[in-house]
Amino acid sequence: VRSHIKKIYEKLHVHSQTEAVSKAINERLI
């Protein structure tokens, strides 16, 4: 599971859960 999350982070170019969440929210709003 962790490796799967890490791949998602790499795909989104983020390094933390906070960044990933904020980026996901921003992309949904746009």
Protein backbone atom coordinates (compact mmCIF):
# COMPACT_ATOMS: atom_id res chain seq x y z
CA VAL A 1 0.00 0.00 0.00
CA ARG A 2 2.79 2.41 0.87
CA SER A 3 4.51 1.86 -2.46
CA HIS A 4 1.19 2.52 -4.21
CA ILE A 5 0.82 5.81 -2.34
CA LYS A 6 4.42 6.69 -3.14
CA LYS A 7 3.74 6.16 -6.85
CA ILE A 8 0.74 8.46 -6.61
CA TYR A 9 2.91 11.09 -4.90
CA GLU A 10 5.50 10.78 -7.66
CA LYS A 11 2.79 11.07 -10.29
CA LEU A 12 1.47 14.23 -8.65
CA HIS A 13 5.01 15.49 -7.98
CA VAL A 14 4.36 15.90 -4.27
CA HIS A 15 6.33 14.62 -1.29
CA SER A 16 3.85 14.71 1.55
CA GLN A 17 0.26 13.78 2.25
CA THR A 18 -0.59 17.42 2.94
CA GLU A 19 0.71 18.47 -0.47
CA ALA A 20 -1.10 15.60 -2.17
CA VAL A 21 -4.41 16.46 -0.50
CA SER A 22 -4.15 20.19 -1.20
CA LYS A 23 -3.21 19.52 -4.82
CA ALA A 24 -6.10 17.10 -5.25
CA ILE A 25 -8.50 19.69 -3.85
CA ASN A 26 -7.10 22.38 -6.14
CA GLU A 27 -7.39 20.18 -9.22
CA ARG A 28 -11.00 19.32 -8.38
CA LEU A 29 -11.90 22.98 -8.02
CA ILE A 30 -10.40 23.90 -11.38
